[in-house]
Amino acid sequence: MKFRTFLLFFCLVISSIIPAEEIRFLYNRNYYPFEFTNEQGKADGFVIDVLFALAREAAYEITFIPGNWKQREEDLYNGDGYFTTGFLNHSSHDSIITSKILFSLPFSLIYRSGISPHSLKDLDGRTPLFSSGDSSEQVLYTYLKPEKVIRTKSWSDAVKALDTGYGDFAIISRIQKDLIIGEYHEKLSVMEEFHLVLPYVIYTTRWDKEKLEKLNNSLSIIRASGEFDRITGKWFAEENPLITASGKKRSLLYLIPAAIACIILLTIYKKRKVRL
């Protein structure tokens, strides 16, 4: 009995001495409220909280390194053992792999007065505006190949510049659009025909496939435990702009009672029709 107690104590001591395996995440320092550098100079945001939860569940020590999308892309492709996040964009690099979808986000296209586009083709030759290094750059290059782009320090600066006639249009997430479109509603419009929903994932190289699989398992666990929903509620208390797997399941569950009721009513109607 004493030996078993000693062995258990010894294992606990050893496990506390051995440091947890580290994973390094390159994050966007200017993509509020998803991932950004706060006033204390630390990584913050909805995605950061989710990554902390995933790392904790997988027993990883997580380190965040600030940058923008272009910098992260280069570091990732160099194969330095980094992880990063971003919108799913099929890479030409065979070494890049992605996680399960963390969430999906709807996007809007806003344009200045003086142009009236009805489709993306109408924007050929036009100048887009977006925040330098912002993830919206990924969205832009997925659908358009502009000859010229204008970069600003932040997406809010991009919208202000667009309002003054500097540039023609911008692609921003729906939550960002809702934050600013009211302020600039007289000069800016939303292209109603533009519908785009992009999944947000974790990127890494195939050499870190095992670590990525552990993070995927952690994602399933924090969804099932409600931790993911708690983090979502923290950042999007009033209105949740995210499209998540759990949200889709709930929607389907809500449809089941309605479907059963329809079947019952249809059966009653047929029986009455036969009697008549």
Protein backbone atom coordinates (compact mmCIF):
# COMPACT_ATOMS: atom_id res chain seq x y z
CA MET A 1 0.00 0.00 0.00
CA LYS A 2 2.80 2.38 0.95
CA PHE A 3 4.66 1.49 -2.24
CA ARG A 4 1.60 2.29 -4.38
CA THR A 5 1.16 5.62 -2.63
CA PHE A 6 4.83 6.43 -3.14
CA LEU A 7 4.62 5.42 -6.82
CA LEU A 8 1.58 7.63 -7.38
CA PHE A 9 3.29 10.55 -5.64
CA PHE A 10 6.45 9.98 -7.69
CA CYS A 11 4.48 10.00 -10.97
CA LEU A 12 2.72 13.24 -10.01
CA VAL A 13 6.03 14.91 -9.18
CA ILE A 14 7.62 13.77 -12.44
CA SER A 15 4.63 14.93 -14.50
CA SER A 16 4.79 18.36 -12.86
CA ILE A 17 8.51 18.67 -13.59
CA ILE A 18 8.30 17.70 -17.27
CA PRO A 19 7.26 20.83 -19.20
CA ALA A 20 4.21 20.69 -21.47
CA GLU A 21 4.86 20.52 -25.19
CA GLU A 22 4.77 23.96 -26.80
CA ILE A 23 2.87 25.07 -29.87
CA ARG A 24 3.49 28.48 -31.42
CA PHE A 25 0.58 30.36 -32.97
CA LEU A 26 1.03 33.23 -35.39
CA TYR A 27 -1.97 35.52 -34.95
CA ASN A 28 -3.33 38.64 -36.63
CA ARG A 29 -2.72 41.60 -34.33
CA ASN A 30 -5.38 43.74 -36.01
CA TYR A 31 -8.54 41.69 -36.57
CA TYR A 32 -10.89 42.71 -33.76
CA PRO A 33 -12.87 41.04 -32.22
CA PHE A 34 -11.48 37.73 -33.46
CA GLU A 35 -7.74 38.09 -32.90
CA PHE A 36 -5.83 41.23 -31.99
CA THR A 37 -3.24 42.72 -29.64
CA ASN A 38 -4.91 44.42 -26.68
CA GLU A 39 -3.80 47.52 -24.76
CA GLN A 40 -1.59 45.38 -22.53
CA GLY A 41 0.27 44.12 -25.59
CA LYS A 42 -1.14 40.59 -25.30
CA ALA A 43 -3.01 38.38 -27.76
CA ASP A 44 -6.75 38.71 -27.26
CA GLY A 45 -10.05 38.00 -28.98
CA PHE A 46 -12.59 35.28 -29.63
CA VAL A 47 -10.22 33.08 -31.65
CA ILE A 48 -7.46 33.51 -29.06
CA ASP A 49 -9.77 32.31 -26.28
CA VAL A 50 -10.79 29.30 -28.38
CA LEU A 51 -7.13 28.45 -29.04
CA PHE A 52 -6.33 28.73 -25.32
CA ALA A 53 -9.16 26.28 -24.60
CA LEU A 54 -7.95 23.86 -27.29
CA ALA A 55 -4.36 23.98 -26.04
CA ARG A 56 -5.43 23.46 -22.44
CA GLU A 57 -7.53 20.44 -23.39
CA ALA A 58 -4.66 18.97 -25.44
CA ALA A 59 -2.12 19.69 -22.65
CA TYR A 60 -0.08 22.07 -24.82
CA GLU A 61 1.74 25.20 -23.72
CA ILE A 62 0.68 27.86 -26.22
CA THR A 63 2.72 30.88 -27.32
CA PHE A 64 1.26 33.66 -29.47
CA ILE A 65 3.37 35.59 -31.97
CA PRO A 66 1.83 38.77 -33.49
CA GLY A 67 1.90 39.64 -37.17
CA ASN A 68 -0.37 40.05 -40.17
CA TRP A 69 -1.58 37.57 -42.76
CA LYS A 70 1.30 38.07 -45.19
CA GLN A 71 3.92 37.59 -42.47
CA ARG A 72 2.14 34.54 -41.10
CA GLU A 73 1.84 33.03 -44.56
CA GLU A 74 5.58 33.35 -45.20
CA ASP A 75 6.56 31.94 -41.80
CA LEU A 76 4.16 29.03 -42.21
CA TYR A 77 5.41 28.12 -45.67
CA ASN A 78 9.01 28.26 -44.46
CA GLY A 79 8.21 25.24 -42.31
CA ASP A 80 9.32 26.65 -38.96
CA GLY A 81 6.85 24.58 -36.95
CA TYR A 82 4.23 27.28 -36.58
CA PHE A 83 0.45 27.16 -36.42
CA THR A 84 -1.85 29.94 -37.55
CA THR A 85 -5.52 30.62 -38.21
CA GLY A 86 -7.40 32.11 -41.12
CA PHE A 87 -10.17 31.67 -43.62
CA LEU A 88 -10.03 28.48 -45.62
CA ASN A 89 -8.20 29.18 -48.85
CA HIS A 90 -7.02 26.17 -50.82
CA SER A 91 -3.25 26.40 -50.84
CA SER A 92 -0.98 25.39 -53.68
CA HIS A 93 1.53 24.20 -51.09
CA ASP A 94 1.28 20.44 -50.56
CA SER A 95 2.84 20.76 -47.12
CA ILE A 96 -0.02 22.85 -45.67
CA ILE A 97 -2.86 21.08 -43.84
CA THR A 98 -5.93 22.46 -42.05
CA SER A 99 -8.01 21.60 -39.01
CA LYS A 100 -11.71 21.02 -38.65
CA ILE A 101 -13.75 24.17 -39.19
CA LEU A 102 -13.74 26.34 -36.06
CA PHE A 103 -16.65 28.44 -37.34
CA SER A 104 -17.82 30.15 -40.52
CA LEU A 105 -18.33 33.86 -41.03
CA PRO A 106 -20.55 35.71 -43.52
CA PHE A 107 -19.01 38.57 -45.51
CA SER A 108 -20.43 41.71 -47.08
CA LEU A 109 -19.22 43.88 -49.92
CA ILE A 110 -19.61 47.62 -49.41
CA TYR A 111 -19.04 50.21 -52.13
CA ARG A 112 -18.97 53.98 -52.39
CA SER A 113 -21.57 56.17 -54.04
CA GLY A 114 -21.09 56.69 -57.75
CA ILE A 115 -20.82 53.03 -58.71
CA SER A 116 -23.62 50.46 -58.79
CA PRO A 117 -22.20 46.95 -59.08
CA HIS A 118 -24.58 44.00 -59.33
CA SER A 119 -21.91 41.30 -59.44
CA LEU A 120 -18.20 40.86 -58.91
CA LYS A 121 -17.65 41.21 -62.67
CA ASP A 122 -18.85 44.80 -62.41
CA LEU A 123 -15.89 45.49 -60.13
CA ASP A 124 -13.25 44.63 -62.73
CA GLY A 125 -10.85 47.54 -62.93
CA ARG A 126 -12.07 48.98 -59.63
CA THR A 127 -9.77 49.59 -56.66
CA PRO A 128 -10.44 47.65 -53.45
CA LEU A 129 -9.65 48.88 -49.96
CA PHE A 130 -8.76 46.74 -46.99
CA SER A 131 -6.70 46.73 -43.85
CA SER A 132 -3.04 45.89 -44.41
CA GLY A 133 -2.48 42.26 -43.53
CA ASP A 134 -6.14 41.76 -42.68
CA SER A 135 -7.78 38.40 -43.33
CA SER A 136 -10.13 40.11 -45.78
CA GLU A 137 -7.15 40.11 -48.13
CA GLN A 138 -7.56 36.35 -48.36
CA VAL A 139 -11.20 36.81 -49.31
CA LEU A 140 -10.30 39.36 -51.94
CA TYR A 141 -7.71 37.21 -53.70
CA THR A 142 -10.03 34.19 -53.60
CA TYR A 143 -12.52 35.92 -55.91
CA LEU A 144 -10.77 38.86 -57.55
CA LYS A 145 -7.39 39.65 -59.10
CA PRO A 146 -7.19 43.45 -58.89
CA GLU A 147 -4.37 45.32 -60.56
CA LYS A 148 -4.23 47.81 -57.70
CA VAL A 149 -5.22 47.72 -54.03
CA ILE A 150 -5.14 50.33 -51.28
CA ARG A 151 -4.07 49.25 -47.80
CA THR A 152 -4.82 51.09 -44.57
CA LYS A 153 -3.82 50.53 -40.95
CA SER A 154 -7.19 49.02 -39.96
CA TRP A 155 -10.51 48.02 -41.49
CA SER A 156 -12.19 51.06 -39.91
CA ASP A 157 -9.63 53.31 -41.64
CA ALA A 158 -10.41 51.49 -44.88
CA VAL A 159 -14.10 52.29 -44.50
CA LYS A 160 -13.36 55.95 -43.67
CA ALA A 161 -11.17 56.22 -46.76
CA LEU A 162 -13.89 54.61 -48.85
CA ASP A 163 -16.37 57.14 -47.49
CA THR A 164 -14.18 60.01 -48.74
CA GLY A 165 -14.02 58.53 -52.25
CA TYR A 166 -10.57 57.02 -51.87
CA GLY A 167 -10.97 53.61 -53.48
CA ASP A 168 -14.11 51.88 -54.72
CA PHE A 169 -15.11 48.95 -52.52
CA ALA A 170 -14.16 46.73 -49.59
CA ILE A 171 -14.99 43.19 -48.48
CA ILE A 172 -15.50 43.02 -44.72
CA SER A 173 -17.06 40.54 -42.34
CA ARG A 174 -20.76 40.99 -41.56
CA ILE A 175 -20.06 41.92 -37.95
CA GLN A 176 -17.71 44.71 -39.05
CA LYS A 177 -20.26 45.91 -41.58
CA ASP A 178 -22.95 46.12 -38.90
CA LEU A 179 -20.62 48.18 -36.70
CA ILE A 180 -19.94 50.90 -39.26
CA ILE A 181 -22.51 50.93 -42.05
CA GLY A 182 -24.97 53.01 -40.01
CA GLU A 183 -22.40 55.77 -39.54
CA TYR A 184 -21.65 55.99 -43.26
CA HIS A 185 -25.03 54.99 -44.68
CA GLU A 186 -25.37 58.14 -46.82
CA LYS A 187 -22.26 57.48 -48.93
CA LEU A 188 -21.76 53.72 -48.67
CA SER A 189 -23.98 50.89 -49.84
CA VAL A 190 -24.02 47.12 -49.44
CA MET A 191 -24.12 44.86 -52.48
CA GLU A 192 -27.16 42.74 -51.69
CA GLU A 193 -26.27 40.26 -54.45
CA PHE A 194 -22.97 39.42 -52.75
CA HIS A 195 -23.30 36.34 -50.54
CA LEU A 196 -20.15 34.81 -49.14
CA VAL A 197 -19.60 32.55 -46.13
CA LEU A 198 -16.06 31.41 -45.39
CA PRO A 199 -14.90 28.79 -42.87
CA TYR A 200 -12.20 29.71 -40.33
CA VAL A 201 -9.60 27.02 -39.66
CA ILE A 202 -6.19 26.31 -38.16
CA TYR A 203 -3.27 26.01 -40.57
CA THR A 204 -0.01 24.18 -40.07
CA THR A 205 2.37 21.95 -42.00
CA ARG A 206 1.95 18.21 -42.50
CA TRP A 207 4.94 17.64 -40.21
CA ASP A 208 2.73 18.75 -37.31
CA LYS A 209 -0.21 16.55 -38.29
CA GLU A 210 -0.24 14.72 -34.94
CA LYS A 211 -0.52 17.97 -32.99
CA LEU A 212 -3.27 19.18 -35.30
CA GLU A 213 -5.25 15.98 -34.74
CA LYS A 214 -5.05 16.53 -30.98
CA LEU A 215 -6.40 20.06 -31.47
CA ASN A 216 -9.22 18.63 -33.61
CA ASN A 217 -10.12 16.24 -30.80
CA SER A 218 -10.01 19.12 -28.34
CA LEU A 219 -12.41 21.10 -30.53
CA SER A 220 -14.96 18.27 -30.36
CA ILE A 221 -14.57 18.15 -26.57
CA ILE A 222 -15.03 21.88 -25.93
CA ARG A 223 -18.06 21.92 -28.22
CA ALA A 224 -19.64 19.01 -26.35
CA SER A 225 -18.85 20.50 -22.93
CA GLY A 226 -20.32 23.90 -23.79
CA GLU A 227 -16.98 25.71 -23.45
CA PHE A 228 -17.12 26.88 -27.08
CA ASP A 229 -20.59 28.36 -26.52
CA ARG A 230 -19.42 30.12 -23.35
CA ILE A 231 -16.55 31.75 -25.23
CA THR A 232 -18.94 32.76 -28.00
CA GLY A 233 -21.28 34.34 -25.45
CA LYS A 234 -18.40 36.32 -23.97
CA TRP A 235 -17.52 38.01 -27.26
CA PHE A 236 -20.91 38.09 -28.99
CA ALA A 237 -23.38 38.57 -26.17
CA GLU A 238 -25.95 40.63 -28.11
CA GLU A 239 -25.88 39.01 -31.54
CA ASN A 240 -23.88 35.98 -32.65
CA PRO A 241 -22.61 36.44 -36.23
CA LEU A 242 -20.94 33.03 -36.36
CA ILE A 243 -22.16 29.96 -38.19
CA THR A 244 -21.07 26.89 -36.23
CA ALA A 245 -21.62 23.17 -36.48
CA SER A 246 -23.43 23.14 -33.14
CA GLY A 247 -25.72 25.92 -34.32
CA LYS A 248 -26.69 23.92 -37.40
CA LYS A 249 -27.52 20.91 -35.26
CA ARG A 250 -29.79 22.98 -33.07
CA SER A 251 -31.59 24.31 -36.12
CA LEU A 252 -32.23 20.77 -37.31
CA LEU A 253 -33.50 19.75 -33.90
CA TYR A 254 -35.99 22.60 -33.97
CA LEU A 255 -37.33 21.32 -37.29
CA ILE A 256 -38.04 17.80 -36.00
CA PRO A 257 -41.18 18.69 -33.95
CA ALA A 258 -42.52 20.74 -36.85
CA ALA A 259 -41.98 17.85 -39.25
CA ILE A 260 -43.77 15.41 -36.92
CA ALA A 261 -46.70 17.82 -36.55
CA CYS A 262 -46.97 18.15 -40.34
CA ILE A 263 -47.03 14.36 -40.75
CA ILE A 264 -49.79 14.02 -38.12
CA LEU A 265 -51.91 16.74 -39.71
CA LEU A 266 -51.43 15.24 -43.17
CA THR A 267 -52.51 11.81 -41.88
CA ILE A 268 -55.65 13.26 -40.25
CA TYR A 269 -56.48 15.16 -43.43
CA LYS A 270 -56.17 12.01 -45.58
CA LYS A 271 -58.40 10.00 -43.20
CA ARG A 272 -61.11 12.67 -43.29
CA LYS A 273 -60.88 12.85 -47.07
CA VAL A 274 -61.37 9.07 -47.33
CA ARG A 275 -64.47 9.23 -45.08
CA LEU A 276 -66.00 11.97 -47.21
